[in-house]
Amino acid sequence: MKIFLSKIKLYKGIPAIGIALFYSCTNNLETVNAITNLSDKQTIYAKEIEIVRNDSGKIVLKGFTKEFSYFHTEPNPYTEFKKGIKIETYIDYPLIESSITAEYAKHWEKIKLWEAKTNVVAQNSKGEMLNTEQLYWDENKHIIYSDNFCRVSTADGILYGKNGFVSDESFTKWKLKNTKGTVTIKDE
């Protein structure tokens, strides 16, 4: 008979625990929506990342970053590189076609647009170097551009684009806007 009474006492405690849990876990609808809505929240975070893009089994791009954050915002999810990025494109891996480094970068996934800013340095296979504070890479149009002041160092001199530049993706065919600079011309 003692066993039976102890089971009754145990069963009396279960509804009391259930009622306590039910009342202690109430939330208003705004709180629940704020927690479950991922539209403005970081959904992926990683450190010390190497990104590799292949085309038909060949490495065409590598990216390196210290910090990677992905935000699933609608209608346009994006990836943010708050501690900088280095990207290398390849003619025939490991032969580098061009490279770019920046202290901050952002990539909008659906519109295929990159923004790089703060101490941006781009270099092409000819050794020409671009310095600017902000540039964009439009993957759909296959161009790199900026409306900010920039400097291009070549083997023949230094040129300045007071109003930015536009270039192909490999930074081999570029044009400065409102150009100024000094170029060395060789006598023949």
N, C-alpha and C. Protein backbone atom coordinates (compact mmCIF):
# COMPACT_ATOMS: atom_id res chain seq x y z
N MET A 1 0.81 -1.20 0.00
CA MET A 1 0.00 0.00 0.00
C MET A 1 0.85 1.26 0.00
N LYS A 2 2.01 1.24 0.60
CA LYS A 2 2.90 2.39 0.61
C LYS A 2 3.33 2.76 -0.80
N ILE A 3 3.58 1.76 -1.63
CA ILE A 3 4.00 2.01 -3.00
C ILE A 3 2.91 2.78 -3.73
N PHE A 4 1.68 2.38 -3.56
CA PHE A 4 0.56 3.04 -4.21
C PHE A 4 0.45 4.50 -3.80
N LEU A 5 0.58 4.82 -2.52
CA LEU A 5 0.50 6.20 -2.04
C LEU A 5 1.65 7.05 -2.58
N SER A 6 2.83 6.48 -2.68
CA SER A 6 3.96 7.26 -3.20
C SER A 6 3.74 7.59 -4.67
N LYS A 7 3.11 6.69 -5.44
CA LYS A 7 2.81 6.98 -6.84
C LYS A 7 1.80 8.10 -6.96
N ILE A 8 0.81 8.14 -6.07
CA ILE A 8 -0.19 9.21 -6.09
C ILE A 8 0.47 10.54 -5.80
N LYS A 9 1.36 10.58 -4.82
CA LYS A 9 2.07 11.82 -4.50
C LYS A 9 2.90 12.29 -5.70
N LEU A 10 3.53 11.34 -6.39
CA LEU A 10 4.33 11.67 -7.56
C LEU A 10 3.44 12.24 -8.66
N TYR A 11 2.30 11.64 -8.92
CA TYR A 11 1.40 12.12 -9.95
C TYR A 11 0.80 13.47 -9.61
N LYS A 12 0.62 13.78 -8.35
CA LYS A 12 0.11 15.09 -7.94
C LYS A 12 1.13 16.17 -8.27
N GLY A 13 2.42 15.84 -8.19
CA GLY A 13 3.48 16.82 -8.45
C GLY A 13 3.64 17.16 -9.92
N ILE A 14 3.32 16.24 -10.82
CA ILE A 14 3.51 16.47 -12.26
C ILE A 14 2.64 17.61 -12.77
N PRO A 15 1.33 17.66 -12.47
CA PRO A 15 0.54 18.81 -12.94
C PRO A 15 1.03 20.14 -12.36
N ALA A 16 1.50 20.13 -11.14
CA ALA A 16 2.00 21.36 -10.53
C ALA A 16 3.23 21.86 -11.27
N ILE A 17 4.13 20.95 -11.64
CA ILE A 17 5.33 21.33 -12.40
C ILE A 17 4.93 21.85 -13.78
N GLY A 18 3.99 21.17 -14.44
CA GLY A 18 3.52 21.59 -15.76
C GLY A 18 2.91 22.98 -15.73
N ILE A 19 2.09 23.27 -14.73
CA ILE A 19 1.46 24.60 -14.60
C ILE A 19 2.53 25.66 -14.37
N ALA A 20 3.50 25.37 -13.54
CA ALA A 20 4.58 26.33 -13.27
C ALA A 20 5.38 26.61 -14.55
N LEU A 21 5.69 25.58 -15.31
CA LEU A 21 6.42 25.78 -16.57
C LEU A 21 5.60 26.58 -17.57
N PHE A 22 4.32 26.29 -17.68
CA PHE A 22 3.45 26.99 -18.63
C PHE A 22 3.42 28.49 -18.33
N TYR A 23 3.26 28.85 -17.09
CA TYR A 23 3.17 30.27 -16.73
C TYR A 23 4.53 30.97 -16.75
N SER A 24 5.60 30.24 -16.54
CA SER A 24 6.92 30.88 -16.54
C SER A 24 7.45 31.08 -17.96
N CYS A 25 6.85 30.47 -18.97
CA CYS A 25 7.36 30.54 -20.34
C CYS A 25 6.47 31.38 -21.25
N THR A 26 5.72 32.29 -20.72
CA THR A 26 4.87 33.10 -21.59
C THR A 26 5.67 34.24 -22.18
N ASN A 27 5.46 34.51 -23.47
CA ASN A 27 6.10 35.61 -24.18
C ASN A 27 5.05 36.32 -25.01
N ASN A 28 5.27 37.61 -25.21
CA ASN A 28 4.34 38.28 -26.09
C ASN A 28 4.78 38.02 -27.53
N LEU A 29 3.90 38.26 -28.48
CA LEU A 29 4.13 37.95 -29.88
C LEU A 29 5.31 38.72 -30.46
N GLU A 30 5.50 39.97 -30.04
CA GLU A 30 6.62 40.78 -30.55
C GLU A 30 7.97 40.15 -30.17
N THR A 31 8.07 39.65 -28.94
CA THR A 31 9.31 39.02 -28.48
C THR A 31 9.60 37.76 -29.28
N VAL A 32 8.60 36.94 -29.49
CA VAL A 32 8.77 35.70 -30.26
C VAL A 32 9.19 36.03 -31.69
N ASN A 33 8.53 37.00 -32.33
CA ASN A 33 8.88 37.38 -33.70
C ASN A 33 10.29 37.95 -33.79
N ALA A 34 10.69 38.73 -32.81
CA ALA A 34 12.03 39.31 -32.82
C ALA A 34 13.10 38.23 -32.72
N ILE A 35 12.83 37.20 -31.95
CA ILE A 35 13.80 36.11 -31.79
C ILE A 35 13.87 35.24 -33.04
N THR A 36 12.72 34.95 -33.65
CA THR A 36 12.70 34.03 -34.78
C THR A 36 12.88 34.71 -36.13
N ASN A 37 12.79 36.04 -36.23
CA ASN A 37 12.96 36.74 -37.50
C ASN A 37 14.45 36.88 -37.80
N LEU A 38 14.91 36.23 -38.85
CA LEU A 38 16.33 36.25 -39.21
C LEU A 38 16.65 37.33 -40.23
N SER A 39 15.68 38.17 -40.61
CA SER A 39 15.89 39.11 -41.70
C SER A 39 16.98 40.13 -41.42
N ASP A 40 17.24 40.46 -40.18
CA ASP A 40 18.27 41.46 -39.90
C ASP A 40 19.36 40.91 -38.97
N LYS A 41 19.47 39.61 -38.90
CA LYS A 41 20.42 39.00 -37.98
C LYS A 41 21.51 38.24 -38.72
N GLN A 42 22.65 38.21 -38.10
CA GLN A 42 23.77 37.43 -38.61
C GLN A 42 23.40 35.96 -38.49
N THR A 43 23.44 35.21 -39.59
CA THR A 43 23.07 33.81 -39.54
C THR A 43 24.27 32.87 -39.63
N ILE A 44 25.40 33.37 -40.16
CA ILE A 44 26.64 32.59 -40.19
C ILE A 44 27.78 33.50 -39.77
N TYR A 45 28.65 33.00 -38.93
CA TYR A 45 29.83 33.75 -38.51
C TYR A 45 31.01 32.79 -38.46
N ALA A 46 32.15 33.24 -38.99
CA ALA A 46 33.35 32.40 -38.96
C ALA A 46 34.59 33.28 -38.92
N LYS A 47 35.68 32.70 -38.46
CA LYS A 47 36.97 33.40 -38.41
C LYS A 47 37.99 32.63 -39.24
N GLU A 48 39.00 33.39 -39.74
CA GLU A 48 40.11 32.81 -40.51
C GLU A 48 39.59 31.91 -41.64
N ILE A 49 38.97 32.52 -42.63
CA ILE A 49 38.33 31.79 -43.72
C ILE A 49 39.12 31.93 -45.01
N GLU A 50 39.18 30.86 -45.79
CA GLU A 50 39.70 30.89 -47.15
C GLU A 50 38.57 30.44 -48.07
N ILE A 51 38.23 31.28 -49.04
CA ILE A 51 37.16 30.99 -49.98
C ILE A 51 37.82 30.63 -51.31
N VAL A 52 37.40 29.54 -51.93
CA VAL A 52 37.95 29.12 -53.22
C VAL A 52 36.80 28.96 -54.20
N ARG A 53 36.93 29.62 -55.37
CA ARG A 53 35.92 29.49 -56.43
C ARG A 53 36.55 28.74 -57.60
N ASN A 54 35.88 27.69 -58.05
CA ASN A 54 36.36 26.86 -59.16
C ASN A 54 35.47 27.05 -60.38
N ASP A 55 36.07 26.87 -61.56
CA ASP A 55 35.32 26.86 -62.81
C ASP A 55 35.86 25.70 -63.63
N SER A 56 35.03 24.70 -63.86
CA SER A 56 35.43 23.49 -64.59
C SER A 56 36.65 22.82 -63.95
N GLY A 57 36.69 22.82 -62.64
CA GLY A 57 37.75 22.15 -61.90
C GLY A 57 39.01 22.97 -61.72
N LYS A 58 39.06 24.18 -62.27
CA LYS A 58 40.23 25.05 -62.13
C LYS A 58 39.94 26.15 -61.11
N ILE A 59 40.92 26.44 -60.27
CA ILE A 59 40.77 27.53 -59.31
C ILE A 59 40.85 28.85 -60.06
N VAL A 60 39.81 29.68 -59.95
CA VAL A 60 39.80 30.98 -60.63
C VAL A 60 39.85 32.14 -59.64
N LEU A 61 39.54 31.88 -58.37
CA LEU A 61 39.52 32.94 -57.36
C LEU A 61 39.77 32.34 -55.99
N LYS A 62 40.52 33.08 -55.19
CA LYS A 62 40.69 32.74 -53.77
C LYS A 62 40.46 34.00 -52.96
N GLY A 63 39.79 33.86 -51.84
CA GLY A 63 39.57 34.97 -50.93
C GLY A 63 40.01 34.58 -49.53
N PHE A 64 40.57 35.53 -48.81
CA PHE A 64 41.05 35.30 -47.45
C PHE A 64 40.49 36.39 -46.55
N THR A 65 40.00 36.02 -45.38
CA THR A 65 39.48 37.01 -44.44
C THR A 65 39.67 36.52 -43.01
N LYS A 66 39.79 37.47 -42.09
CA LYS A 66 39.90 37.14 -40.67
C LYS A 66 38.54 36.94 -40.03
N GLU A 67 37.51 37.58 -40.60
CA GLU A 67 36.17 37.49 -40.02
C GLU A 67 35.13 37.55 -41.13
N PHE A 68 34.18 36.63 -41.08
CA PHE A 68 33.16 36.46 -42.11
C PHE A 68 31.79 36.43 -41.43
N SER A 69 30.87 37.28 -41.89
CA SER A 69 29.50 37.29 -41.34
C SER A 69 28.52 37.28 -42.50
N TYR A 70 27.54 36.37 -42.44
CA TYR A 70 26.50 36.30 -43.46
C TYR A 70 25.19 36.72 -42.83
N PHE A 71 24.48 37.63 -43.51
CA PHE A 71 23.20 38.14 -43.03
C PHE A 71 22.13 37.75 -44.03
N HIS A 72 21.14 37.02 -43.56
CA HIS A 72 20.06 36.57 -44.44
C HIS A 72 18.95 37.62 -44.45
N THR A 73 19.24 38.76 -45.03
CA THR A 73 18.24 39.82 -45.12
C THR A 73 17.48 39.68 -46.41
N GLU A 74 16.22 39.94 -46.38
CA GLU A 74 15.41 39.91 -47.60
C GLU A 74 15.09 41.34 -47.97
N PRO A 75 15.11 41.73 -49.20
CA PRO A 75 15.21 40.86 -50.38
C PRO A 75 16.63 40.60 -50.85
N ASN A 76 17.65 41.10 -50.14
CA ASN A 76 19.02 40.96 -50.64
C ASN A 76 20.00 40.53 -49.54
N PRO A 77 20.24 39.24 -49.38
CA PRO A 77 21.20 38.77 -48.39
C PRO A 77 22.61 39.27 -48.72
N TYR A 78 23.43 39.43 -47.69
CA TYR A 78 24.79 39.92 -47.94
C TYR A 78 25.79 39.27 -46.99
N THR A 79 27.05 39.33 -47.41
CA THR A 79 28.17 38.85 -46.62
C THR A 79 29.03 40.05 -46.28
N GLU A 80 29.47 40.12 -45.03
CA GLU A 80 30.27 41.25 -44.59
C GLU A 80 31.63 40.75 -44.09
N PHE A 81 32.67 41.48 -44.46
CA PHE A 81 34.03 41.16 -44.07
C PHE A 81 34.55 42.36 -43.27
N LYS A 82 34.21 42.42 -41.99
CA LYS A 82 34.49 43.59 -41.15
C LYS A 82 35.97 43.79 -40.87
N LYS A 83 36.75 42.74 -40.91
CA LYS A 83 38.19 42.86 -40.61
C LYS A 83 39.04 42.72 -41.87
N GLY A 84 38.44 43.04 -43.00
CA GLY A 84 39.20 43.08 -44.24
C GLY A 84 39.12 41.82 -45.06
N ILE A 85 39.66 41.94 -46.28
CA ILE A 85 39.64 40.82 -47.22
C ILE A 85 40.80 40.95 -48.20
N LYS A 86 41.24 39.82 -48.69
CA LYS A 86 42.19 39.77 -49.80
C LYS A 86 41.63 38.79 -50.81
N ILE A 87 41.52 39.24 -52.07
CA ILE A 87 41.01 38.39 -53.14
C ILE A 87 42.07 38.30 -54.23
N GLU A 88 42.30 37.10 -54.72
CA GLU A 88 43.21 36.87 -55.84
C GLU A 88 42.45 36.16 -56.94
N THR A 89 42.60 36.64 -58.19
CA THR A 89 42.05 35.93 -59.35
C THR A 89 43.23 35.34 -60.11
N TYR A 90 42.97 34.25 -60.80
CA TYR A 90 44.06 33.51 -61.43
C TYR A 90 43.86 33.36 -62.93
N ILE A 91 44.97 33.53 -63.68
CA ILE A 91 44.99 33.25 -65.11
C ILE A 91 45.02 31.73 -65.26
N ASP A 92 45.98 31.13 -64.61
CA ASP A 92 46.15 29.68 -64.58
C ASP A 92 46.81 29.38 -63.24
N TYR A 93 46.02 28.93 -62.27
CA TYR A 93 46.49 28.75 -60.90
C TYR A 93 47.82 28.03 -60.88
N PRO A 94 48.82 28.51 -60.17
CA PRO A 94 48.85 29.60 -59.19
C PRO A 94 49.29 30.96 -59.75
N LEU A 95 49.24 31.17 -61.06
CA LEU A 95 49.64 32.44 -61.67
C LEU A 95 48.55 33.49 -61.43
N ILE A 96 48.87 34.50 -60.61
CA ILE A 96 47.88 35.51 -60.21
C ILE A 96 47.64 36.50 -61.35
N GLU A 97 46.37 36.69 -61.68
CA GLU A 97 45.96 37.67 -62.69
C GLU A 97 45.80 39.05 -62.06
N SER A 98 45.12 39.09 -60.91
CA SER A 98 44.93 40.35 -60.19
C SER A 98 44.66 40.05 -58.73
N SER A 99 44.86 41.07 -57.90
CA SER A 99 44.57 40.92 -56.47
C SER A 99 44.01 42.23 -55.94
N ILE A 100 43.28 42.11 -54.85
CA ILE A 100 42.72 43.29 -54.19
C ILE A 100 42.71 43.04 -52.69
N THR A 101 43.06 44.06 -51.93
CA THR A 101 42.96 44.00 -50.48
C THR A 101 42.22 45.24 -50.00
N ALA A 102 41.51 45.10 -48.90
CA ALA A 102 40.78 46.21 -48.30
C ALA A 102 40.56 45.90 -46.83
N GLU A 103 40.39 46.95 -46.04
CA GLU A 103 40.15 46.76 -44.61
C GLU A 103 38.70 46.40 -44.30
N TYR A 104 37.81 46.58 -45.29
CA TYR A 104 36.40 46.25 -45.12
C TYR A 104 35.84 45.87 -46.49
N ALA A 105 34.94 44.90 -46.52
CA ALA A 105 34.27 44.54 -47.77
C ALA A 105 32.88 44.01 -47.48
N LYS A 106 32.03 44.12 -48.49
CA LYS A 106 30.66 43.64 -48.39
C LYS A 106 30.25 43.09 -49.75
N HIS A 107 29.52 41.98 -49.76
CA HIS A 107 29.06 41.37 -51.00
C HIS A 107 27.56 41.13 -50.91
N TRP A 108 26.82 41.74 -51.86
CA TRP A 108 25.38 41.53 -51.95
C TRP A 108 25.16 40.37 -52.90
N GLU A 109 24.60 39.29 -52.37
CA GLU A 109 24.49 38.02 -53.06
C GLU A 109 23.62 38.07 -54.32
N LYS A 110 22.41 38.58 -54.22
CA LYS A 110 21.48 38.52 -55.34
C LYS A 110 21.83 39.47 -56.48
N ILE A 111 22.33 40.65 -56.16
CA ILE A 111 22.68 41.60 -57.22
C ILE A 111 24.13 41.46 -57.67
N LYS A 112 24.88 40.56 -57.03
CA LYS A 112 26.27 40.26 -57.38
C LYS A 112 27.13 41.51 -57.43
N LEU A 113 27.12 42.25 -56.33
CA LEU A 113 27.90 43.48 -56.23
C LEU A 113 28.79 43.41 -54.99
N TRP A 114 30.06 43.75 -55.17
CA TRP A 114 31.03 43.83 -54.09
C TRP A 114 31.35 45.29 -53.82
N GLU A 115 31.54 45.62 -52.56
CA GLU A 115 32.06 46.93 -52.16
C GLU A 115 33.30 46.67 -51.31
N ALA A 116 34.38 47.37 -51.65
CA ALA A 116 35.60 47.32 -50.83
C ALA A 116 35.92 48.74 -50.42
N LYS A 117 36.27 48.94 -49.15
CA LYS A 117 36.60 50.30 -48.73
C LYS A 117 37.66 50.30 -47.64
N THR A 118 38.27 51.45 -47.49
CA THR A 118 39.33 51.74 -46.52
C THR A 118 40.63 51.04 -46.93
N ASN A 119 41.57 51.87 -47.39
CA ASN A 119 42.89 51.39 -47.83
C ASN A 119 42.79 50.26 -48.86
N VAL A 120 42.07 50.52 -49.93
CA VAL A 120 41.89 49.54 -50.99
C VAL A 120 43.11 49.57 -51.92
N VAL A 121 43.68 48.40 -52.15
CA VAL A 121 44.83 48.27 -53.06
C VAL A 121 44.52 47.14 -54.04
N ALA A 122 44.58 47.46 -55.34
CA ALA A 122 44.39 46.45 -56.38
C ALA A 122 45.64 46.41 -57.25
N GLN A 123 46.01 45.22 -57.68
CA GLN A 123 47.20 45.07 -58.51
C GLN A 123 46.90 44.08 -59.63
N ASN A 124 47.41 44.38 -60.84
CA ASN A 124 47.19 43.49 -61.97
C ASN A 124 48.45 42.71 -62.31
N SER A 125 48.36 41.86 -63.33
CA SER A 125 49.48 40.99 -63.70
C SER A 125 50.66 41.77 -64.27
N LYS A 126 50.45 43.02 -64.69
CA LYS A 126 51.55 43.87 -65.20
C LYS A 126 52.26 44.61 -64.07
N GLY A 127 51.78 44.45 -62.84
CA GLY A 127 52.39 45.13 -61.71
C GLY A 127 51.84 46.52 -61.47
N GLU A 128 50.83 46.93 -62.23
CA GLU A 128 50.20 48.23 -62.01
C GLU A 128 49.36 48.17 -60.74
N MET A 129 49.45 49.23 -59.94
CA MET A 129 48.79 49.22 -58.64
C MET A 129 47.83 50.40 -58.51
N LEU A 130 46.62 50.10 -58.04
CA LEU A 130 45.59 51.09 -57.80
C LEU A 130 45.43 51.27 -56.30
N ASN A 131 45.37 52.52 -55.84
CA ASN A 131 45.07 52.84 -54.44
C ASN A 131 43.86 53.75 -54.40
N THR A 132 42.88 53.42 -53.58
CA THR A 132 41.69 54.25 -53.41
C THR A 132 41.07 53.93 -52.05
N GLU A 133 40.05 54.67 -51.70
CA GLU A 133 39.37 54.42 -50.42
C GLU A 133 38.09 53.63 -50.58
N GLN A 134 37.60 53.50 -51.82
CA GLN A 134 36.37 52.73 -52.04
C GLN A 134 36.29 52.32 -53.50
N LEU A 135 35.88 51.08 -53.73
CA LEU A 135 35.61 50.65 -55.10
C LEU A 135 34.51 49.60 -55.08
N TYR A 136 33.91 49.41 -56.26
CA TYR A 136 32.84 48.43 -56.45
C TYR A 136 33.25 47.47 -57.55
N TRP A 137 32.83 46.21 -57.40
CA TRP A 137 33.03 45.20 -58.43
C TRP A 137 31.65 44.67 -58.78
N ASP A 138 31.19 44.95 -60.00
CA ASP A 138 29.90 44.50 -60.48
C ASP A 138 30.12 43.21 -61.27
N GLU A 139 29.75 42.08 -60.68
CA GLU A 139 29.97 40.79 -61.33
C GLU A 139 29.10 40.60 -62.57
N ASN A 140 27.94 41.24 -62.61
CA ASN A 140 27.06 41.13 -63.78
C ASN A 140 27.61 41.89 -64.98
N LYS A 141 28.16 43.08 -64.74
CA LYS A 141 28.71 43.90 -65.83
C LYS A 141 30.19 43.62 -66.08
N HIS A 142 30.82 42.85 -65.20
CA HIS A 142 32.24 42.49 -65.30
C HIS A 142 33.14 43.73 -65.27
N ILE A 143 32.82 44.67 -64.37
CA ILE A 143 33.63 45.88 -64.23
C ILE A 143 33.95 46.15 -62.76
N ILE A 144 35.04 46.90 -62.57
CA ILE A 144 35.42 47.45 -61.28
C ILE A 144 35.39 48.95 -61.45
N TYR A 145 34.85 49.69 -60.46
CA TYR A 145 34.75 51.14 -60.63
C TYR A 145 34.72 51.85 -59.29
N SER A 146 34.96 53.16 -59.35
CA SER A 146 34.87 54.02 -58.17
C SER A 146 34.65 55.44 -58.64
N ASP A 147 33.98 56.23 -57.83
CA ASP A 147 33.83 57.66 -58.07
C ASP A 147 34.73 58.45 -57.13
N ASN A 148 35.52 57.75 -56.32
CA ASN A 148 36.42 58.39 -55.36
C ASN A 148 37.80 58.61 -55.98
N PHE A 149 38.53 59.54 -55.41
CA PHE A 149 39.90 59.81 -55.82
C PHE A 149 40.71 58.51 -55.81
N CYS A 150 41.57 58.32 -56.82
CA CYS A 150 42.40 57.13 -56.86
C CYS A 150 43.77 57.45 -57.45
N ARG A 151 44.71 56.56 -57.20
CA ARG A 151 46.07 56.69 -57.72
C ARG A 151 46.45 55.37 -58.36
N VAL A 152 47.02 55.45 -59.58
CA VAL A 152 47.50 54.25 -60.27
C VAL A 152 49.00 54.41 -60.49
N SER A 153 49.77 53.48 -59.96
CA SER A 153 51.22 53.46 -60.15
C SER A 153 51.55 52.45 -61.23
N THR A 154 52.28 52.90 -62.26
CA THR A 154 52.71 52.03 -63.35
C THR A 154 54.23 52.08 -63.43
N ALA A 155 54.80 51.30 -64.33
CA ALA A 155 56.25 51.32 -64.53
C ALA A 155 56.70 52.68 -65.07
N ASP A 156 55.81 53.40 -65.74
CA ASP A 156 56.15 54.68 -66.37
C ASP A 156 55.82 55.90 -65.52
N GLY A 157 55.10 55.75 -64.43
CA GLY A 157 54.78 56.90 -63.61
C GLY A 157 53.56 56.69 -62.73
N ILE A 158 53.08 57.80 -62.18
CA ILE A 158 51.92 57.78 -61.30
C ILE A 158 50.85 58.67 -61.89
N LEU A 159 49.63 58.14 -61.97
CA LEU A 159 48.49 58.88 -62.49
C LEU A 159 47.42 58.96 -61.40
N TYR A 160 46.66 60.05 -61.43
CA TYR A 160 45.60 60.26 -60.45
C TYR A 160 44.26 60.41 -61.16
N GLY A 161 43.26 59.80 -60.62
CA GLY A 161 41.89 59.98 -61.10
C GLY A 161 41.13 60.75 -60.04
N LYS A 162 40.93 62.04 -60.29
CA LYS A 162 40.26 62.88 -59.28
C LYS A 162 38.83 62.43 -59.02
N ASN A 163 38.19 61.87 -60.05
CA ASN A 163 36.80 61.44 -59.91
C ASN A 163 36.65 59.93 -60.09
N GLY A 164 37.70 59.19 -59.78
CA GLY A 164 37.60 57.74 -59.81
C GLY A 164 38.13 57.11 -61.08
N PHE A 165 37.62 55.91 -61.36
CA PHE A 165 38.09 55.12 -62.50
C PHE A 165 37.04 54.08 -62.86
N VAL A 166 37.25 53.42 -63.99
CA VAL A 166 36.48 52.25 -64.39
C VAL A 166 37.45 51.28 -65.05
N SER A 167 37.24 49.98 -64.83
CA SER A 167 38.18 48.97 -65.31
C SER A 167 37.46 47.66 -65.59
N ASP A 168 38.14 46.79 -66.36
CA ASP A 168 37.65 45.42 -66.49
C ASP A 168 37.96 44.68 -65.18
N GLU A 169 37.44 43.47 -65.04
CA GLU A 169 37.60 42.72 -63.79
C GLU A 169 39.05 42.38 -63.45
N SER A 170 39.88 42.23 -64.45
CA SER A 170 41.28 41.87 -64.18
C SER A 170 42.16 43.10 -63.98
N PHE A 171 41.58 44.29 -64.08
CA PHE A 171 42.29 45.55 -63.90
C PHE A 171 43.43 45.70 -64.91
N THR A 172 43.23 45.17 -66.13
CA THR A 172 44.25 45.33 -67.18
C THR A 172 43.87 46.44 -68.15
N LYS A 173 42.59 46.71 -68.29
CA LYS A 173 42.11 47.80 -69.16
C LYS A 173 41.36 48.77 -68.27
N TRP A 174 42.01 49.89 -67.93
CA TRP A 174 41.41 50.83 -67.00
C TRP A 174 41.42 52.23 -67.58
N LYS A 175 40.51 53.06 -67.07
CA LYS A 175 40.40 54.45 -67.50
C LYS A 175 40.14 55.30 -66.26
N LEU A 176 40.93 56.35 -66.10
CA LEU A 176 40.76 57.27 -64.97
C LEU A 176 39.82 58.39 -65.37
N LYS A 177 39.09 58.92 -64.39
CA LYS A 177 38.18 60.05 -64.61
C LYS A 177 38.84 61.32 -64.08
N ASN A 178 38.92 62.35 -64.94
CA ASN A 178 39.56 63.62 -64.58
C ASN A 178 41.02 63.37 -64.18
N THR A 179 41.80 62.95 -65.15
CA THR A 179 43.17 62.47 -64.94
C THR A 179 44.18 63.58 -64.70
N LYS A 180 45.16 63.26 -63.88
CA LYS A 180 46.30 64.13 -63.59
C LYS A 180 47.47 63.21 -63.26
N GLY A 181 48.71 63.61 -63.61
CA GLY A 181 49.83 62.76 -63.23
C GLY A 181 51.08 63.03 -64.00
N THR A 182 52.11 62.26 -63.68
CA THR A 182 53.41 62.36 -64.32
C THR A 182 53.77 61.00 -64.90
N VAL A 183 54.18 61.02 -66.18
CA VAL A 183 54.53 59.79 -66.86
C VAL A 183 55.90 59.97 -67.51
N THR A 184 56.74 58.98 -67.39
CA THR A 184 58.06 59.00 -68.03
C THR A 184 57.93 58.46 -69.45
N ILE A 185 58.43 59.25 -70.41
CA ILE A 185 58.41 58.82 -71.81
C ILE A 185 59.84 58.51 -72.23
N LYS A 186 60.06 57.33 -72.76
CA LYS A 186 61.39 56.90 -73.14
C LYS A 186 61.75 57.45 -74.52
N ASP A 187 62.97 57.97 -74.65
CA ASP A 187 63.48 58.42 -75.95
C ASP A 187 63.93 57.20 -76.74
N GLU A 188 63.67 57.26 -78.03
CA GLU A 188 64.11 56.13 -78.88
C GLU A 188 65.16 56.56 -79.84
